[in-house]
Amino acid sequence: MSGTDVAGNIKVELGRRYRFAAAHRLHSLQLSDEENARIYGKCNNPCGHGHNYVVEISVSGEIDPATGMIANLADLDGFAQREVLDPFDHRSLNEEVEAFRTEVPTTENLCIEIFRRMRAFPKAKLERVRVEETSNNSFEYTGDAASDSEAAPQGR
């Protein structure tokens, strides 16, 4: 996606797609077992269930005149590998990802957690994270005022 910003500068976004497989159980400690079963249905299975997730990361930034790129794909791939794929791939989200020990690992919450992790990418501005859970279900998060006001760390 490209266009111009309010100052008339060219704005270009870079989108990159990643895949990982993970298991989760949708179960809220704030609800009774009966409520969990009613709300989450088969996704509340005590043994959990899994998905082959597709994650799309969109970043923007100035085009480097020397390289012609917003960000080097190898840098983005390495960052996504460390921050998202290694911690989530072939894992039980409930049991192996700290953020989901108390938070229900819905794909909405997964999308927000991936955004939180990717926001620290130092070489471009994170625009959005989109997570496809199934061919029928996808979720997108673009941040919020609080996350936008927090400065991402520069350099690594």
N, C-alpha and C. Protein backbone atom coordinates (compact mmCIF):
# COMPACT_ATOMS: atom_id res chain seq x y z
N MET A 1 0.85 -1.16 0.00
CA MET A 1 0.00 0.00 0.00
C MET A 1 0.90 1.22 0.00
N SER A 2 0.56 2.20 -0.80
CA SER A 2 1.32 3.44 -0.81
C SER A 2 0.37 4.61 -0.99
N GLY A 3 0.87 5.78 -0.75
CA GLY A 3 0.09 7.00 -0.87
C GLY A 3 0.95 8.14 -0.41
N THR A 4 0.31 9.19 0.04
CA THR A 4 1.06 10.31 0.60
C THR A 4 0.52 10.62 1.98
N ASP A 5 1.40 11.13 2.84
CA ASP A 5 0.95 11.51 4.17
C ASP A 5 0.44 12.94 4.13
N VAL A 6 0.06 13.49 5.28
CA VAL A 6 -0.52 14.83 5.32
C VAL A 6 0.45 15.91 4.85
N ALA A 7 1.75 15.65 4.96
CA ALA A 7 2.75 16.62 4.52
C ALA A 7 3.06 16.48 3.03
N GLY A 8 2.42 15.51 2.37
CA GLY A 8 2.65 15.31 0.96
C GLY A 8 3.83 14.40 0.64
N ASN A 9 4.44 13.81 1.68
CA ASN A 9 5.55 12.87 1.47
C ASN A 9 5.00 11.53 1.01
N ILE A 10 5.77 10.83 0.22
CA ILE A 10 5.36 9.50 -0.23
C ILE A 10 5.39 8.56 0.97
N LYS A 11 4.32 7.79 1.10
CA LYS A 11 4.24 6.79 2.16
C LYS A 11 4.11 5.43 1.51
N VAL A 12 5.01 4.52 1.85
CA VAL A 12 4.98 3.17 1.33
C VAL A 12 4.99 2.22 2.51
N GLU A 13 4.18 1.17 2.40
CA GLU A 13 4.17 0.13 3.43
C GLU A 13 4.74 -1.16 2.85
N LEU A 14 5.45 -1.86 3.70
CA LEU A 14 6.01 -3.15 3.38
C LEU A 14 5.22 -4.20 4.15
N GLY A 15 4.72 -5.21 3.48
CA GLY A 15 4.00 -6.30 4.13
C GLY A 15 4.79 -7.58 4.01
N ARG A 16 4.84 -8.33 5.08
CA ARG A 16 5.58 -9.59 5.09
C ARG A 16 4.71 -10.63 5.78
N ARG A 17 4.70 -11.83 5.26
CA ARG A 17 3.85 -12.91 5.78
C ARG A 17 4.72 -14.00 6.41
N TYR A 18 4.27 -14.46 7.58
CA TYR A 18 4.95 -15.53 8.31
C TYR A 18 3.93 -16.58 8.71
N ARG A 19 4.42 -17.76 9.02
CA ARG A 19 3.53 -18.86 9.43
C ARG A 19 4.10 -19.55 10.66
N PHE A 20 3.19 -19.97 11.53
CA PHE A 20 3.59 -20.82 12.65
C PHE A 20 2.39 -21.67 13.07
N ALA A 21 2.67 -22.77 13.72
CA ALA A 21 1.64 -23.66 14.24
C ALA A 21 1.70 -23.61 15.76
N ALA A 22 0.55 -23.53 16.39
CA ALA A 22 0.51 -23.48 17.86
C ALA A 22 -0.81 -24.03 18.34
N ALA A 23 -0.80 -24.47 19.60
CA ALA A 23 -2.01 -24.97 20.24
C ALA A 23 -2.45 -23.99 21.31
N HIS A 24 -3.76 -23.99 21.59
CA HIS A 24 -4.28 -23.19 22.68
C HIS A 24 -5.59 -23.79 23.17
N ARG A 25 -5.97 -23.35 24.34
CA ARG A 25 -7.28 -23.68 24.89
C ARG A 25 -7.91 -22.36 25.30
N LEU A 26 -9.13 -22.13 24.83
CA LEU A 26 -9.84 -20.93 25.22
C LEU A 26 -10.59 -21.23 26.51
N HIS A 27 -10.10 -20.64 27.59
CA HIS A 27 -10.67 -20.88 28.91
C HIS A 27 -10.32 -19.69 29.79
N SER A 28 -11.33 -19.04 30.31
CA SER A 28 -11.12 -17.88 31.17
C SER A 28 -11.26 -18.28 32.63
N LEU A 29 -10.27 -17.91 33.43
CA LEU A 29 -10.33 -18.19 34.86
C LEU A 29 -11.40 -17.35 35.55
N GLN A 30 -11.91 -16.33 34.86
CA GLN A 30 -12.96 -15.48 35.42
C GLN A 30 -14.36 -16.05 35.23
N LEU A 31 -14.44 -17.16 34.49
CA LEU A 31 -15.74 -17.76 34.20
C LEU A 31 -15.80 -19.17 34.78
N SER A 32 -17.02 -19.65 35.02
CA SER A 32 -17.20 -21.02 35.49
C SER A 32 -16.91 -21.99 34.34
N ASP A 33 -16.72 -23.25 34.67
CA ASP A 33 -16.51 -24.25 33.63
C ASP A 33 -17.70 -24.29 32.67
N GLU A 34 -18.90 -24.15 33.21
CA GLU A 34 -20.10 -24.17 32.36
C GLU A 34 -20.12 -22.97 31.41
N GLU A 35 -19.77 -21.79 31.93
CA GLU A 35 -19.74 -20.59 31.08
C GLU A 35 -18.67 -20.71 30.00
N ASN A 36 -17.50 -21.23 30.38
CA ASN A 36 -16.43 -21.43 29.40
C ASN A 36 -16.89 -22.37 28.29
N ALA A 37 -17.53 -23.47 28.67
CA ALA A 37 -18.00 -24.44 27.68
C ALA A 37 -19.05 -23.80 26.76
N ARG A 38 -19.94 -23.01 27.34
CA ARG A 38 -20.99 -22.36 26.55
C ARG A 38 -20.40 -21.32 25.60
N ILE A 39 -19.48 -20.50 26.08
CA ILE A 39 -18.93 -19.40 25.27
C ILE A 39 -17.95 -19.90 24.22
N TYR A 40 -17.03 -20.78 24.62
CA TYR A 40 -15.95 -21.19 23.73
C TYR A 40 -16.23 -22.50 22.98
N GLY A 41 -17.25 -23.24 23.40
CA GLY A 41 -17.60 -24.48 22.70
C GLY A 41 -16.43 -25.45 22.60
N LYS A 42 -16.23 -26.01 21.40
CA LYS A 42 -15.17 -27.01 21.22
C LYS A 42 -13.78 -26.43 21.43
N CYS A 43 -13.64 -25.10 21.37
CA CYS A 43 -12.34 -24.46 21.62
C CYS A 43 -11.96 -24.48 23.10
N ASN A 44 -12.88 -24.93 23.95
CA ASN A 44 -12.63 -25.05 25.38
C ASN A 44 -12.19 -26.46 25.75
N ASN A 45 -11.95 -27.30 24.77
CA ASN A 45 -11.50 -28.68 25.02
C ASN A 45 -10.33 -28.67 26.01
N PRO A 46 -10.42 -29.42 27.11
CA PRO A 46 -9.34 -29.43 28.10
C PRO A 46 -7.97 -29.82 27.53
N CYS A 47 -7.95 -30.56 26.44
CA CYS A 47 -6.69 -30.94 25.81
C CYS A 47 -6.19 -29.89 24.83
N GLY A 48 -6.99 -28.87 24.56
CA GLY A 48 -6.61 -27.82 23.63
C GLY A 48 -6.85 -28.24 22.19
N HIS A 49 -6.44 -27.39 21.28
CA HIS A 49 -6.52 -27.65 19.85
C HIS A 49 -5.52 -26.72 19.18
N GLY A 50 -5.24 -26.96 17.91
CA GLY A 50 -4.20 -26.18 17.27
C GLY A 50 -4.65 -25.52 15.99
N HIS A 51 -3.81 -24.58 15.53
CA HIS A 51 -4.03 -23.86 14.28
C HIS A 51 -2.70 -23.69 13.56
N ASN A 52 -2.79 -23.56 12.26
CA ASN A 52 -1.67 -23.12 11.45
C ASN A 52 -1.93 -21.65 11.15
N TYR A 53 -1.30 -20.79 11.93
CA TYR A 53 -1.53 -19.36 11.84
C TYR A 53 -0.73 -18.74 10.70
N VAL A 54 -1.30 -17.73 10.07
CA VAL A 54 -0.60 -16.90 9.11
C VAL A 54 -0.60 -15.49 9.69
N VAL A 55 0.57 -14.90 9.80
CA VAL A 55 0.73 -13.57 10.38
C VAL A 55 1.26 -12.63 9.31
N GLU A 56 0.59 -11.52 9.15
CA GLU A 56 1.05 -10.49 8.22
C GLU A 56 1.46 -9.27 9.02
N ILE A 57 2.69 -8.84 8.79
CA ILE A 57 3.25 -7.68 9.46
C ILE A 57 3.38 -6.58 8.42
N SER A 58 2.86 -5.39 8.70
CA SER A 58 3.00 -4.25 7.80
C SER A 58 3.77 -3.15 8.52
N VAL A 59 4.83 -2.68 7.86
CA VAL A 59 5.65 -1.59 8.40
C VAL A 59 5.74 -0.49 7.35
N SER A 60 6.04 0.71 7.80
CA SER A 60 6.23 1.83 6.88
C SER A 60 7.46 2.60 7.30
N GLY A 61 7.90 3.45 6.42
CA GLY A 61 9.05 4.28 6.72
C GLY A 61 9.52 4.98 5.47
N GLU A 62 10.55 5.76 5.64
CA GLU A 62 11.13 6.46 4.50
C GLU A 62 11.92 5.46 3.67
N ILE A 63 11.88 5.67 2.38
CA ILE A 63 12.67 4.83 1.49
C ILE A 63 14.11 5.31 1.52
N ASP A 64 15.01 4.42 1.86
CA ASP A 64 16.43 4.74 1.90
C ASP A 64 16.90 4.99 0.46
N PRO A 65 17.46 6.17 0.17
CA PRO A 65 17.86 6.45 -1.21
C PRO A 65 18.97 5.53 -1.71
N ALA A 66 19.79 5.02 -0.81
CA ALA A 66 20.90 4.15 -1.23
C ALA A 66 20.41 2.75 -1.58
N THR A 67 19.43 2.23 -0.80
CA THR A 67 18.98 0.85 -1.02
C THR A 67 17.65 0.78 -1.76
N GLY A 68 16.87 1.86 -1.71
CA GLY A 68 15.55 1.85 -2.32
C GLY A 68 14.53 1.09 -1.49
N MET A 69 14.87 0.80 -0.22
CA MET A 69 13.99 0.00 0.64
C MET A 69 13.58 0.74 1.90
N ILE A 70 12.42 0.37 2.44
CA ILE A 70 11.98 0.85 3.75
C ILE A 70 12.81 0.17 4.83
N ALA A 71 12.93 -1.13 4.71
CA ALA A 71 13.69 -1.93 5.66
C ALA A 71 14.20 -3.16 4.93
N ASN A 72 15.33 -3.63 5.35
CA ASN A 72 15.90 -4.84 4.78
C ASN A 72 15.06 -6.04 5.24
N LEU A 73 14.61 -6.85 4.29
CA LEU A 73 13.76 -8.00 4.63
C LEU A 73 14.47 -8.97 5.57
N ALA A 74 15.78 -9.10 5.42
CA ALA A 74 16.52 -10.00 6.31
C ALA A 74 16.45 -9.50 7.75
N ASP A 75 16.49 -8.19 7.95
CA ASP A 75 16.38 -7.62 9.30
C ASP A 75 14.99 -7.88 9.87
N LEU A 76 13.96 -7.63 9.06
CA LEU A 76 12.59 -7.86 9.51
C LEU A 76 12.35 -9.34 9.79
N ASP A 77 12.82 -10.20 8.90
CA ASP A 77 12.65 -11.64 9.11
C ASP A 77 13.34 -12.12 10.38
N GLY A 78 14.55 -11.66 10.60
CA GLY A 78 15.29 -12.07 11.80
C GLY A 78 14.59 -11.60 13.07
N PHE A 79 14.08 -10.39 13.04
CA PHE A 79 13.37 -9.85 14.21
C PHE A 79 12.09 -10.64 14.46
N ALA A 80 11.31 -10.89 13.41
CA ALA A 80 10.08 -11.68 13.56
C ALA A 80 10.39 -13.10 14.04
N GLN A 81 11.47 -13.66 13.55
CA GLN A 81 11.85 -15.01 13.99
C GLN A 81 12.12 -15.03 15.49
N ARG A 82 12.91 -14.08 15.97
CA ARG A 82 13.27 -14.03 17.40
C ARG A 82 12.08 -13.69 18.29
N GLU A 83 11.28 -12.70 17.87
CA GLU A 83 10.24 -12.17 18.73
C GLU A 83 8.91 -12.92 18.66
N VAL A 84 8.63 -13.57 17.53
CA VAL A 84 7.32 -14.20 17.35
C VAL A 84 7.44 -15.68 17.02
N LEU A 85 8.14 -16.01 15.98
CA LEU A 85 8.13 -17.40 15.51
C LEU A 85 8.79 -18.35 16.50
N ASP A 86 9.99 -18.04 16.96
CA ASP A 86 10.64 -18.93 17.92
C ASP A 86 9.82 -19.11 19.20
N PRO A 87 9.28 -18.04 19.79
CA PRO A 87 8.50 -18.22 21.03
C PRO A 87 7.15 -18.90 20.84
N PHE A 88 6.54 -18.82 19.63
CA PHE A 88 5.18 -19.32 19.44
C PHE A 88 5.08 -20.61 18.64
N ASP A 89 6.00 -20.87 17.73
CA ASP A 89 5.86 -22.00 16.82
C ASP A 89 5.98 -23.33 17.56
N HIS A 90 4.99 -24.19 17.30
CA HIS A 90 4.90 -25.52 17.92
C HIS A 90 4.93 -25.44 19.45
N ARG A 91 4.18 -24.50 19.96
CA ARG A 91 4.07 -24.29 21.41
C ARG A 91 2.61 -24.38 21.83
N SER A 92 2.42 -24.64 23.11
CA SER A 92 1.11 -24.47 23.73
C SER A 92 1.09 -23.04 24.25
N LEU A 93 0.27 -22.21 23.63
CA LEU A 93 0.26 -20.80 24.00
C LEU A 93 -0.07 -20.61 25.47
N ASN A 94 -1.03 -21.37 26.00
CA ASN A 94 -1.44 -21.24 27.39
C ASN A 94 -0.29 -21.58 28.35
N GLU A 95 0.46 -22.58 28.01
CA GLU A 95 1.46 -23.12 28.94
C GLU A 95 2.87 -22.61 28.71
N GLU A 96 3.19 -22.19 27.49
CA GLU A 96 4.58 -21.86 27.18
C GLU A 96 4.84 -20.40 26.84
N VAL A 97 3.79 -19.60 26.73
CA VAL A 97 3.97 -18.18 26.43
C VAL A 97 3.47 -17.40 27.64
N GLU A 98 4.38 -16.70 28.29
CA GLU A 98 4.09 -16.01 29.55
C GLU A 98 2.85 -15.13 29.47
N ALA A 99 2.68 -14.40 28.37
CA ALA A 99 1.55 -13.48 28.23
C ALA A 99 0.21 -14.19 28.33
N PHE A 100 0.17 -15.48 28.02
CA PHE A 100 -1.10 -16.20 28.00
C PHE A 100 -1.30 -17.14 29.19
N ARG A 101 -0.49 -16.98 30.20
CA ARG A 101 -0.70 -17.78 31.42
C ARG A 101 -1.93 -17.27 32.18
N THR A 102 -2.23 -15.99 32.03
CA THR A 102 -3.41 -15.42 32.69
C THR A 102 -4.40 -14.82 31.69
N GLU A 103 -3.95 -14.53 30.49
CA GLU A 103 -4.79 -13.95 29.44
C GLU A 103 -5.31 -15.08 28.55
N VAL A 104 -6.57 -15.03 28.17
CA VAL A 104 -7.12 -16.05 27.28
C VAL A 104 -6.45 -15.89 25.91
N PRO A 105 -5.85 -16.96 25.37
CA PRO A 105 -5.14 -16.83 24.10
C PRO A 105 -6.06 -16.87 22.87
N THR A 106 -7.05 -15.99 22.87
CA THR A 106 -7.88 -15.83 21.67
C THR A 106 -6.98 -15.28 20.57
N THR A 107 -7.42 -15.37 19.36
CA THR A 107 -6.60 -14.83 18.27
C THR A 107 -6.59 -13.31 18.34
N GLU A 108 -7.62 -12.70 18.90
CA GLU A 108 -7.60 -11.25 19.13
C GLU A 108 -6.42 -10.89 20.03
N ASN A 109 -6.30 -11.61 21.15
CA ASN A 109 -5.20 -11.34 22.09
C ASN A 109 -3.85 -11.72 21.50
N LEU A 110 -3.81 -12.77 20.70
CA LEU A 110 -2.57 -13.16 20.03
C LEU A 110 -2.12 -12.05 19.09
N CYS A 111 -3.04 -11.48 18.36
CA CYS A 111 -2.75 -10.39 17.44
C CYS A 111 -2.15 -9.19 18.19
N ILE A 112 -2.72 -8.84 19.32
CA ILE A 112 -2.22 -7.73 20.12
C ILE A 112 -0.85 -8.04 20.68
N GLU A 113 -0.62 -9.29 21.14
CA GLU A 113 0.68 -9.67 21.68
C GLU A 113 1.76 -9.63 20.60
N ILE A 114 1.44 -10.08 19.40
CA ILE A 114 2.41 -10.02 18.30
C ILE A 114 2.72 -8.56 17.97
N PHE A 115 1.71 -7.71 17.95
CA PHE A 115 1.93 -6.28 17.71
C PHE A 115 2.86 -5.72 18.78
N ARG A 116 2.60 -6.05 20.03
CA ARG A 116 3.44 -5.56 21.13
C ARG A 116 4.90 -5.95 20.92
N ARG A 117 5.13 -7.18 20.51
CA ARG A 117 6.49 -7.66 20.29
C ARG A 117 7.14 -7.02 19.07
N MET A 118 6.39 -6.88 17.99
CA MET A 118 6.93 -6.35 16.74
C MET A 118 7.11 -4.84 16.77
N ARG A 119 6.42 -4.16 17.66
CA ARG A 119 6.51 -2.70 17.75
C ARG A 119 7.94 -2.25 18.01
N ALA A 120 8.75 -3.09 18.61
CA ALA A 120 10.13 -2.72 18.94
C ALA A 120 11.07 -2.83 17.74
N PHE A 121 10.57 -3.27 16.57
CA PHE A 121 11.44 -3.34 15.39
C PHE A 121 12.00 -1.94 15.13
N PRO A 122 13.31 -1.77 15.17
CA PRO A 122 13.89 -0.43 15.16
C PRO A 122 14.02 0.23 13.79
N LYS A 123 13.80 -0.48 12.72
CA LYS A 123 14.15 0.06 11.40
C LYS A 123 12.96 0.56 10.59
N ALA A 124 11.74 0.45 11.13
CA ALA A 124 10.55 0.93 10.43
C ALA A 124 9.42 1.05 11.45
N LYS A 125 8.36 1.75 11.07
CA LYS A 125 7.21 1.93 11.95
C LYS A 125 6.22 0.79 11.71
N LEU A 126 5.85 0.11 12.77
CA LEU A 126 4.85 -0.95 12.66
C LEU A 126 3.49 -0.32 12.43
N GLU A 127 2.83 -0.71 11.36
CA GLU A 127 1.51 -0.18 11.03
C GLU A 127 0.39 -1.09 11.52
N ARG A 128 0.54 -2.39 11.28
CA ARG A 128 -0.53 -3.32 11.67
C ARG A 128 -0.01 -4.73 11.70
N VAL A 129 -0.75 -5.55 12.45
CA VAL A 129 -0.54 -6.99 12.48
C VAL A 129 -1.88 -7.64 12.15
N ARG A 130 -1.85 -8.57 11.24
CA ARG A 130 -3.04 -9.32 10.87
C ARG A 130 -2.73 -10.79 11.10
N VAL A 131 -3.62 -11.49 11.81
CA VAL A 131 -3.43 -12.91 12.07
C VAL A 131 -4.62 -13.66 11.48
N GLU A 132 -4.31 -14.62 10.63
CA GLU A 132 -5.33 -15.50 10.07
C GLU A 132 -5.27 -16.82 10.85
N GLU A 133 -6.37 -17.13 11.50
CA GLU A 133 -6.46 -18.34 12.31
C GLU A 133 -6.95 -19.51 11.46
N THR A 134 -7.95 -19.26 10.65
CA THR A 134 -8.50 -20.25 9.72
C THR A 134 -8.80 -19.52 8.41
N SER A 135 -9.25 -20.26 7.42
CA SER A 135 -9.59 -19.61 6.16
C SER A 135 -10.79 -18.68 6.33
N ASN A 136 -11.55 -18.83 7.42
CA ASN A 136 -12.72 -17.98 7.67
C ASN A 136 -12.49 -16.89 8.71
N ASN A 137 -11.46 -17.02 9.54
CA ASN A 137 -11.27 -16.10 10.66
C ASN A 137 -9.93 -15.39 10.56
N SER A 138 -9.97 -14.06 10.55
CA SER A 138 -8.74 -13.28 10.62
C SER A 138 -8.99 -12.08 11.52
N PHE A 139 -7.91 -11.58 12.10
CA PHE A 139 -7.97 -10.49 13.07
C PHE A 139 -6.85 -9.51 12.74
N GLU A 140 -7.12 -8.22 12.92
CA GLU A 140 -6.14 -7.20 12.60
C GLU A 140 -6.07 -6.20 13.75
N TYR A 141 -4.84 -5.79 14.08
CA TYR A 141 -4.65 -4.81 15.15
C TYR A 141 -3.69 -3.74 14.66
N THR A 142 -4.05 -2.49 14.89
CA THR A 142 -3.23 -1.37 14.44
C THR A 142 -2.66 -0.56 15.60
N GLY A 143 -2.77 -1.07 16.80
CA GLY A 143 -2.27 -0.35 17.95
C GLY A 143 -3.34 0.51 18.56
N ASP A 144 -2.98 1.21 19.62
CA ASP A 144 -3.89 2.12 20.28
C ASP A 144 -3.11 3.37 20.69
N ALA A 145 -3.80 4.32 21.22
CA ALA A 145 -3.16 5.59 21.59
C ALA A 145 -2.02 5.36 22.58
N ALA A 146 -2.21 4.45 23.53
CA ALA A 146 -1.17 4.21 24.53
C ALA A 146 0.06 3.58 23.88
N SER A 147 -0.15 2.59 23.01
CA SER A 147 1.01 1.94 22.38
C SER A 147 1.69 2.87 21.38
N ASP A 148 0.92 3.74 20.73
CA ASP A 148 1.51 4.67 19.77
C ASP A 148 2.34 5.73 20.46
N SER A 149 1.99 6.08 21.69
CA SER A 149 2.73 7.13 22.38
C SER A 149 4.00 6.61 23.03
N GLU A 150 4.10 5.29 23.21
CA GLU A 150 5.31 4.72 23.77
C GLU A 150 6.34 4.64 22.66
N ALA A 151 7.50 5.17 22.91
CA ALA A 151 8.54 5.16 21.89
C ALA A 151 9.13 3.77 21.79
N ALA A 152 9.26 3.27 20.58
CA ALA A 152 9.91 1.99 20.35
C ALA A 152 11.40 2.18 20.54
N PRO A 153 12.10 1.19 21.08
CA PRO A 153 13.55 1.31 21.26
C PRO A 153 14.23 1.51 19.91
N GLN A 154 15.23 2.34 19.88
CA GLN A 154 15.96 2.60 18.65
C GLN A 154 17.28 1.84 18.69
N GLY A 155 17.58 1.19 17.59
CA GLY A 155 18.84 0.45 17.45
C GLY A 155 18.84 -0.84 18.26
N ARG A 156 19.59 -1.77 17.82
CA ARG A 156 19.72 -3.05 18.53
C ARG A 156 21.07 -3.59 18.28
